[in-house]
């Protein structure tokens, strides 16, 4: 079953995405969506604001566990990465199990990668340091070698409320997934490349948890990856070894 039949993530792409691209190209952002949560009834209007006013379209989606204070999984939150293809800014759209929608995180400097192979463009660069000297890069390389998870998306993230995170207000966010199983991981790191293990969230495949799909691209996301292929060339994983 296609993603379009599973959620708004691509259900809106066919009729709306081209218009959203046009708005993004022709106009400045009209109104920035406020951080916070909305009741289920307010979700459709918020969706239209994100698409029309901010020119953002869905690119990557998956489910993360909703946990109680005792760590018990109580449900699954749909997490969709939205992106303005022109500005490379975006946000994380969280649809809670009860239908409420929350936006806590905004993105800048967004990049999409084809997870069919490892893309070294996802690695963090630091002046005077080799790629493998940076902790988050070693994590990404090891994940690709050990479990076949390659980067799908990377951005600088901004979470002013720091909801549920023990992180700096600004940090890197990366999503990886295995192209064969769609099993993925949400990974976070400080801007200096320090991996934050406490910021890791599993994005399970349907074979691992009662979710509709794993870490996947929307149809618009696939189109953008093709368009950005020259910007983000791939590098053979065999030439990059974890330390």
C-alpha atoms as a PDB file:
ATOM      1  CA  UNK A   1       0.000   0.000   0.000  1.00  0.00           C
ATOM      2  CA  UNK A   2       1.360   3.432  -0.823  1.00  0.00           C
ATOM      3  CA  UNK A   3       2.100   6.019   1.821  1.00  0.00           C
ATOM      4  CA  UNK A   4      -0.530   8.257   0.240  1.00  0.00           C
ATOM      5  CA  UNK A   5      -3.202   5.846   1.467  1.00  0.00           C
ATOM      6  CA  UNK A   6      -1.864   5.773   5.002  1.00  0.00           C
ATOM      7  CA  UNK A   7      -1.727   9.381   6.186  1.00  0.00           C
ATOM      8  CA  UNK A   8      -1.771  12.994   5.119  1.00  0.00           C
ATOM      9  CA  UNK A   9       1.970  12.716   4.460  1.00  0.00           C
ATOM     10  CA  UNK A  10       1.448  12.149   0.749  1.00  0.00           C
ATOM     11  CA  UNK A  11      -2.320  12.313   0.477  1.00  0.00           C
ATOM     12  CA  UNK A  12      -1.863  16.064   0.067  1.00  0.00           C
ATOM     13  CA  UNK A  13       1.073  15.828  -2.301  1.00  0.00           C
ATOM     14  CA  UNK A  14      -0.749  15.209  -5.570  1.00  0.00           C
ATOM     15  CA  UNK A  15      -3.191  18.145  -5.386  1.00  0.00           C
ATOM     16  CA  UNK A  16      -1.163  20.505  -3.224  1.00  0.00           C
ATOM     17  CA  UNK A  17       2.571  19.929  -3.650  1.00  0.00           C
ATOM     18  CA  UNK A  18       2.973  21.735  -6.969  1.00  0.00           C
ATOM     19  CA  UNK A  19       1.090  24.716  -5.629  1.00  0.00           C
ATOM     20  CA  UNK A  20       3.262  24.633  -2.527  1.00  0.00           C
ATOM     21  CA  UNK A  21       6.401  24.642  -4.666  1.00  0.00           C
ATOM     22  CA  UNK A  22       5.008  27.607  -6.578  1.00  0.00           C
ATOM     23  CA  UNK A  23       4.247  29.517  -3.420  1.00  0.00           C
ATOM     24  CA  UNK A  24       7.692  28.843  -2.065  1.00  0.00           C
ATOM     25  CA  UNK A  25       9.322  30.094  -5.244  1.00  0.00           C
ATOM     26  CA  UNK A  26       7.165  33.167  -5.722  1.00  0.00           C
ATOM     27  CA  UNK A  27       6.491  34.457  -2.231  1.00  0.00           C
ATOM     28  CA  UNK A  28       8.174  34.934   1.089  1.00  0.00           C
ATOM     29  CA  UNK A  29       6.863  32.919   4.019  1.00  0.00           C
ATOM     30  CA  UNK A  30       3.547  34.501   4.960  1.00  0.00           C
ATOM     31  CA  UNK A  31       3.135  33.311   8.541  1.00  0.00           C
ATOM     32  CA  UNK A  32       5.311  31.118  10.700  1.00  0.00           C
ATOM     33  CA  UNK A  33       3.480  28.333  12.480  1.00  0.00           C
ATOM     34  CA  UNK A  34       3.727  28.681  16.241  1.00  0.00           C
ATOM     35  CA  UNK A  35       5.427  26.087  18.404  1.00  0.00           C
ATOM     36  CA  UNK A  36       3.013  24.007  20.476  1.00  0.00           C
ATOM     37  CA  UNK A  37       0.153  21.498  20.261  1.00  0.00           C
ATOM     38  CA  UNK A  38      -3.330  21.666  18.717  1.00  0.00           C
ATOM     39  CA  UNK A  39      -6.439  19.600  19.274  1.00  0.00           C
ATOM     40  CA  UNK A  40      -7.337  17.055  16.560  1.00  0.00           C
ATOM     41  CA  UNK A  41     -10.035  19.346  15.135  1.00  0.00           C
ATOM     42  CA  UNK A  42      -7.450  22.052  14.443  1.00  0.00           C
ATOM     43  CA  UNK A  43      -5.069  19.736  12.539  1.00  0.00           C
ATOM     44  CA  UNK A  44      -6.485  20.290   9.004  1.00  0.00           C
ATOM     45  CA  UNK A  45      -6.177  24.080   9.260  1.00  0.00           C
ATOM     46  CA  UNK A  46      -2.666  23.767  10.629  1.00  0.00           C
ATOM     47  CA  UNK A  47      -1.759  21.403   7.796  1.00  0.00           C
ATOM     48  CA  UNK A  48      -2.900  23.961   5.235  1.00  0.00           C
ATOM     49  CA  UNK A  49      -0.958  26.726   6.978  1.00  0.00           C
ATOM     50  CA  UNK A  50       2.245  24.687   6.865  1.00  0.00           C
ATOM     51  CA  UNK A  51       1.758  23.824   3.200  1.00  0.00           C
ATOM     52  CA  UNK A  52       0.432  27.117   1.885  1.00  0.00           C
ATOM     53  CA  UNK A  53       1.876  29.837   4.118  1.00  0.00           C
ATOM     54  CA  UNK A  54       5.300  28.293   4.727  1.00  0.00           C
ATOM     55  CA  UNK A  55       5.626  26.424   1.417  1.00  0.00           C
ATOM     56  CA  UNK A  56       6.563  23.192   3.187  1.00  0.00           C
ATOM     57  CA  UNK A  57       5.891  19.712   1.871  1.00  0.00           C
ATOM     58  CA  UNK A  58       6.275  16.325   3.597  1.00  0.00           C
ATOM     59  CA  UNK A  59       9.514  14.503   2.771  1.00  0.00           C
ATOM     60  CA  UNK A  60      10.239  11.793   5.380  1.00  0.00           C
ATOM     61  CA  UNK A  61       7.972  10.036   7.864  1.00  0.00           C
ATOM     62  CA  UNK A  62       7.926   7.290  10.463  1.00  0.00           C
ATOM     63  CA  UNK A  63       6.568   6.384  13.896  1.00  0.00           C
ATOM     64  CA  UNK A  64       8.241   6.762  17.286  1.00  0.00           C
ATOM     65  CA  UNK A  65       7.059   5.290  20.567  1.00  0.00           C
ATOM     66  CA  UNK A  66       4.953   7.316  22.952  1.00  0.00           C
ATOM     67  CA  UNK A  67       6.115   6.350  26.423  1.00  0.00           C
ATOM     68  CA  UNK A  68       4.717   6.727  29.908  1.00  0.00           C
ATOM     69  CA  UNK A  69       6.885   7.890  32.806  1.00  0.00           C
ATOM     70  CA  UNK A  70       7.707   4.241  33.601  1.00  0.00           C
ATOM     71  CA  UNK A  71       9.030   3.713  30.065  1.00  0.00           C
ATOM     72  CA  UNK A  72       6.076   1.601  28.942  1.00  0.00           C
ATOM     73  CA  UNK A  73       5.025   2.183  25.322  1.00  0.00           C
ATOM     74  CA  UNK A  74       1.483   3.567  25.298  1.00  0.00           C
ATOM     75  CA  UNK A  75       1.135   4.261  21.571  1.00  0.00           C
ATOM     76  CA  UNK A  76       2.899   5.437  18.419  1.00  0.00           C
ATOM     77  CA  UNK A  77       3.399   9.032  17.313  1.00  0.00           C
ATOM     78  CA  UNK A  78       3.576   9.715  13.588  1.00  0.00           C
ATOM     79  CA  UNK A  79       6.563  11.989  12.964  1.00  0.00           C
ATOM     80  CA  UNK A  80       6.706  13.744   9.600  1.00  0.00           C
ATOM     81  CA  UNK A  81       9.565  15.939   8.408  1.00  0.00           C
ATOM     82  CA  UNK A  82       8.258  18.931   6.442  1.00  0.00           C
ATOM     83  CA  UNK A  83      10.570  20.934   4.150  1.00  0.00           C
ATOM     84  CA  UNK A  84      10.467  24.103   2.075  1.00  0.00           C
ATOM     85  CA  UNK A  85      12.452  23.047  -1.042  1.00  0.00           C
ATOM     86  CA  UNK A  86      13.548  26.612  -1.744  1.00  0.00           C
ATOM     87  CA  UNK A  87      14.734  27.786   1.667  1.00  0.00           C
ATOM     88  CA  UNK A  88      15.735  24.325   3.002  1.00  0.00           C
ATOM     89  CA  UNK A  89      13.901  25.210   6.215  1.00  0.00           C
ATOM     90  CA  UNK A  90      11.345  22.923   7.784  1.00  0.00           C
ATOM     91  CA  UNK A  91       9.718  21.486  10.865  1.00  0.00           C
ATOM     92  CA  UNK A  92       8.765  18.216  12.542  1.00  0.00           C
ATOM     93  CA  UNK A  93       5.038  17.471  12.497  1.00  0.00           C
ATOM     94  CA  UNK A  94       4.003  15.137  15.322  1.00  0.00           C
ATOM     95  CA  UNK A  95       0.611  13.450  15.179  1.00  0.00           C
ATOM     96  CA  UNK A  96      -0.146  11.963  18.586  1.00  0.00           C
ATOM     97  CA  UNK A  97      -2.076   8.694  19.073  1.00  0.00           C
ATOM     98  CA  UNK A  98      -5.164  10.715  20.091  1.00  0.00           C
ATOM     99  CA  UNK A  99      -5.022  12.791  16.880  1.00  0.00           C
ATOM    100  CA  UNK A 100      -3.578  15.941  18.446  1.00  0.00           C
ATOM    101  CA  UNK A 101      -0.798  17.596  16.462  1.00  0.00           C
ATOM    102  CA  UNK A 102       2.354  19.109  17.972  1.00  0.00           C
ATOM    103  CA  UNK A 103       5.197  21.142  16.485  1.00  0.00           C
ATOM    104  CA  UNK A 104       8.201  21.554  18.773  1.00  0.00           C
ATOM    105  CA  UNK A 105      11.126  21.450  16.333  1.00  0.00           C
ATOM    106  CA  UNK A 106      12.143  23.673  13.422  1.00  0.00           C
ATOM    107  CA  UNK A 107      14.896  22.919  10.898  1.00  0.00           C
ATOM    108  CA  UNK A 108      17.391  24.835   8.783  1.00  0.00           C
ATOM    109  CA  UNK A 109      20.067  23.708   6.308  1.00  0.00           C
ATOM    110  CA  UNK A 110      18.030  20.615   5.475  1.00  0.00           C
ATOM    111  CA  UNK A 111      19.478  17.934   3.226  1.00  0.00           C
ATOM    112  CA  UNK A 112      17.900  14.775   1.838  1.00  0.00           C
ATOM    113  CA  UNK A 113      19.873  11.671   0.909  1.00  0.00           C
ATOM    114  CA  UNK A 114      19.014   8.521  -0.999  1.00  0.00           C
ATOM    115  CA  UNK A 115      19.312   5.756   1.575  1.00  0.00           C
ATOM    116  CA  UNK A 116      19.835   3.130  -1.126  1.00  0.00           C
ATOM    117  CA  UNK A 117      23.532   3.695  -0.419  1.00  0.00           C
ATOM    118  CA  UNK A 118      25.655   5.473   2.170  1.00  0.00           C
ATOM    119  CA  UNK A 119      26.051   9.185   1.463  1.00  0.00           C
ATOM    120  CA  UNK A 120      29.091  10.829   3.026  1.00  0.00           C
ATOM    121  CA  UNK A 121      27.422  14.202   2.516  1.00  0.00           C
ATOM    122  CA  UNK A 122      25.493  13.462   5.703  1.00  0.00           C
ATOM    123  CA  UNK A 123      28.668  13.516   7.782  1.00  0.00           C
ATOM    124  CA  UNK A 124      29.369  16.535   9.971  1.00  0.00           C
ATOM    125  CA  UNK A 125      32.389  18.595   8.962  1.00  0.00           C
ATOM    126  CA  UNK A 126      34.658  20.300  11.462  1.00  0.00           C
ATOM    127  CA  UNK A 127      37.663  22.446  10.591  1.00  0.00           C
ATOM    128  CA  UNK A 128      40.938  20.645  11.231  1.00  0.00           C
ATOM    129  CA  UNK A 129      39.290  17.287  11.960  1.00  0.00           C
ATOM    130  CA  UNK A 130      38.995  14.135   9.909  1.00  0.00           C
ATOM    131  CA  UNK A 131      35.465  12.825   9.404  1.00  0.00           C
ATOM    132  CA  UNK A 132      36.118   9.795  11.599  1.00  0.00           C
ATOM    133  CA  UNK A 133      37.395  11.970  14.459  1.00  0.00           C
ATOM    134  CA  UNK A 134      33.879  13.354  14.942  1.00  0.00           C
ATOM    135  CA  UNK A 135      31.738  11.168  17.196  1.00  0.00           C
ATOM    136  CA  UNK A 136      28.417  11.416  15.342  1.00  0.00           C
ATOM    137  CA  UNK A 137      30.145  10.495  12.085  1.00  0.00           C
ATOM    138  CA  UNK A 138      31.509   7.320  13.631  1.00  0.00           C
ATOM    139  CA  UNK A 139      27.990   6.473  14.814  1.00  0.00           C
ATOM    140  CA  UNK A 140      26.579   6.929  11.307  1.00  0.00           C
ATOM    141  CA  UNK A 141      29.340   4.934   9.636  1.00  0.00           C
ATOM    142  CA  UNK A 142      29.014   2.113  12.159  1.00  0.00           C
ATOM    143  CA  UNK A 143      25.219   1.994  11.701  1.00  0.00           C
ATOM    144  CA  UNK A 144      25.681   1.671   7.946  1.00  0.00           C
ATOM    145  CA  UNK A 145      28.253  -1.103   8.318  1.00  0.00           C
ATOM    146  CA  UNK A 146      26.536  -3.038  11.102  1.00  0.00           C
ATOM    147  CA  UNK A 147      22.792  -2.764  10.443  1.00  0.00           C
ATOM    148  CA  UNK A 148      22.576  -1.332   6.925  1.00  0.00           C
ATOM    149  CA  UNK A 149      20.986   1.955   7.990  1.00  0.00           C
ATOM    150  CA  UNK A 150      21.948   4.859   5.718  1.00  0.00           C
ATOM    151  CA  UNK A 151      21.158   8.573   6.139  1.00  0.00           C
ATOM    152  CA  UNK A 152      17.843   9.831   4.750  1.00  0.00           C
ATOM    153  CA  UNK A 153      17.850  13.342   6.149  1.00  0.00           C
ATOM    154  CA  UNK A 154      20.042  15.780   8.075  1.00  0.00           C
ATOM    155  CA  UNK A 155      19.399  19.275   9.374  1.00  0.00           C
ATOM    156  CA  UNK A 156      20.216  21.758  12.059  1.00  0.00           C
ATOM    157  CA  UNK A 157      17.347  21.551  14.517  1.00  0.00           C
ATOM    158  CA  UNK A 158      15.980  24.224  16.815  1.00  0.00           C
ATOM    159  CA  UNK A 159      13.747  23.276  19.733  1.00  0.00           C
ATOM    160  CA  UNK A 160      13.138  26.417  21.822  1.00  0.00           C
ATOM    161  CA  UNK A 161      11.116  24.581  24.456  1.00  0.00           C
ATOM    162  CA  UNK A 162      13.545  21.608  24.565  1.00  0.00           C
ATOM    163  CA  UNK A 163      10.491  19.413  25.154  1.00  0.00           C
ATOM    164  CA  UNK A 164      11.505  15.940  26.247  1.00  0.00           C
ATOM    165  CA  UNK A 165      15.136  16.544  25.290  1.00  0.00           C
ATOM    166  CA  UNK A 166      18.266  16.972  27.340  1.00  0.00           C
ATOM    167  CA  UNK A 167      19.962  18.865  24.510  1.00  0.00           C
ATOM    168  CA  UNK A 168      21.151  22.311  23.618  1.00  0.00           C
ATOM    169  CA  UNK A 169      18.500  24.501  22.020  1.00  0.00           C
ATOM    170  CA  UNK A 170      20.235  23.963  18.651  1.00  0.00           C
ATOM    171  CA  UNK A 171      21.616  20.619  17.527  1.00  0.00           C
ATOM    172  CA  UNK A 172      21.827  18.262  14.539  1.00  0.00           C
ATOM    173  CA  UNK A 173      19.070  15.828  13.742  1.00  0.00           C
ATOM    174  CA  UNK A 174      19.577  12.889  11.387  1.00  0.00           C
ATOM    175  CA  UNK A 175      17.255  10.091  10.292  1.00  0.00           C
ATOM    176  CA  UNK A 176      18.709   6.817   9.019  1.00  0.00           C
ATOM    177  CA  UNK A 177      16.968   3.739   7.684  1.00  0.00           C
ATOM    178  CA  UNK A 178      17.626   0.382   6.129  1.00  0.00           C
ATOM    179  CA  UNK A 179      16.360   0.545   2.510  1.00  0.00           C
ATOM    180  CA  UNK A 180      15.348  -3.119   2.560  1.00  0.00           C
ATOM    181  CA  UNK A 181      13.456  -3.276   5.853  1.00  0.00           C
ATOM    182  CA  UNK A 182      12.512   0.415   6.451  1.00  0.00           C
ATOM    183  CA  UNK A 183      13.754   0.013  10.031  1.00  0.00           C
ATOM    184  CA  UNK A 184      15.242   3.351  11.049  1.00  0.00           C
ATOM    185  CA  UNK A 185      16.599   5.602  13.758  1.00  0.00           C
ATOM    186  CA  UNK A 186      16.224   9.245  14.744  1.00  0.00           C
ATOM    187  CA  UNK A 187      19.674  10.421  15.842  1.00  0.00           C
ATOM    188  CA  UNK A 188      20.721  13.686  17.469  1.00  0.00           C
ATOM    189  CA  UNK A 189      24.098  15.344  18.027  1.00  0.00           C
ATOM    190  CA  UNK A 190      25.392  18.610  19.401  1.00  0.00           C
ATOM    191  CA  UNK A 191      26.700  21.145  16.875  1.00  0.00           C
ATOM    192  CA  UNK A 192      30.273  20.143  17.719  1.00  0.00           C
ATOM    193  CA  UNK A 193      29.486  16.597  16.571  1.00  0.00           C
ATOM    194  CA  UNK A 194      29.066  15.022  20.011  1.00  0.00           C
ATOM    195  CA  UNK A 195      26.571  12.169  19.726  1.00  0.00           C
ATOM    196  CA  UNK A 196      23.676  12.344  22.165  1.00  0.00           C
ATOM    197  CA  UNK A 197      22.749   8.767  22.971  1.00  0.00           C
ATOM    198  CA  UNK A 198      19.849   9.991  25.099  1.00  0.00           C
ATOM    199  CA  UNK A 199      18.404  11.666  21.989  1.00  0.00           C
ATOM    200  CA  UNK A 200      18.125   8.442  19.990  1.00  0.00           C
ATOM    201  CA  UNK A 201      14.637   7.245  18.995  1.00  0.00           C
ATOM    202  CA  UNK A 202      13.922   4.003  17.182  1.00  0.00           C
ATOM    203  CA  UNK A 203      11.703   4.183  14.071  1.00  0.00           C
ATOM    204  CA  UNK A 204      10.462   0.594  13.773  1.00  0.00           C
ATOM    205  CA  UNK A 205       9.288  -1.223  10.691  1.00  0.00           C
ATOM    206  CA  UNK A 206       5.890  -2.976  10.689  1.00  0.00           C
ATOM    207  CA  UNK A 207       7.769  -6.229  11.325  1.00  0.00           C
ATOM    208  CA  UNK A 208       9.089  -4.791  14.605  1.00  0.00           C
ATOM    209  CA  UNK A 209       6.069  -2.937  16.001  1.00  0.00           C
ATOM    210  CA  UNK A 210       2.349  -2.323  15.342  1.00  0.00           C
ATOM    211  CA  UNK A 211       2.955   0.639  13.007  1.00  0.00           C
ATOM    212  CA  UNK A 212       1.655   1.314   9.488  1.00  0.00           C
ATOM    213  CA  UNK A 213       5.094   1.783   7.932  1.00  0.00           C
ATOM    214  CA  UNK A 214       8.742   2.284   8.816  1.00  0.00           C
ATOM    215  CA  UNK A 215      11.095   5.173   8.019  1.00  0.00           C
ATOM    216  CA  UNK A 216      10.095   6.138   4.486  1.00  0.00           C
ATOM    217  CA  UNK A 217      10.103   8.982   1.952  1.00  0.00           C
ATOM    218  CA  UNK A 218       6.981  10.670   0.642  1.00  0.00           C
ATOM    219  CA  UNK A 219       6.653  10.838  -3.143  1.00  0.00           C
ATOM    220  CA  UNK A 220       7.710  14.496  -2.945  1.00  0.00           C
ATOM    221  CA  UNK A 221      10.730  13.471  -0.902  1.00  0.00           C
ATOM    222  CA  UNK A 222      11.757  11.017  -3.607  1.00  0.00           C
ATOM    223  CA  UNK A 223      11.444  13.738  -6.243  1.00  0.00           C
ATOM    224  CA  UNK A 224      13.572  16.139  -4.227  1.00  0.00           C
ATOM    225  CA  UNK A 225      16.268  13.500  -3.700  1.00  0.00           C
ATOM    226  CA  UNK A 226      16.544  13.070  -7.466  1.00  0.00           C
ATOM    227  CA  UNK A 227      16.758  16.827  -7.936  1.00  0.00           C
ATOM    228  CA  UNK A 228      19.482  17.139  -5.268  1.00  0.00           C
ATOM    229  CA  UNK A 229      21.563  14.174  -6.440  1.00  0.00           C
ATOM    230  CA  UNK A 230      24.256  16.424  -7.901  1.00  0.00           C
ATOM    231  CA  UNK A 231      24.490  18.387  -4.653  1.00  0.00           C
ATOM    232  CA  UNK A 232      24.886  15.279  -2.505  1.00  0.00           C
ATOM    233  CA  UNK A 233      26.998  12.701  -4.382  1.00  0.00           C
ATOM    234  CA  UNK A 234      27.423   9.286  -2.808  1.00  0.00           C
ATOM    235  CA  UNK A 235      30.705   7.820  -1.596  1.00  0.00           C
ATOM    236  CA  UNK A 236      31.387   4.082  -1.440  1.00  0.00           C
ATOM    237  CA  UNK A 237      30.884   2.900   2.140  1.00  0.00           C
ATOM    238  CA  UNK A 238      33.786   0.490   1.779  1.00  0.00           C
ATOM    239  CA  UNK A 239      36.113   3.474   1.557  1.00  0.00           C
ATOM    240  CA  UNK A 240      34.979   4.752   4.959  1.00  0.00           C
ATOM    241  CA  UNK A 241      35.594   2.470   7.900  1.00  0.00           C
ATOM    242  CA  UNK A 242      34.469   3.007  11.497  1.00  0.00           C
ATOM    243  CA  UNK A 243      37.350   3.558  13.843  1.00  0.00           C
END
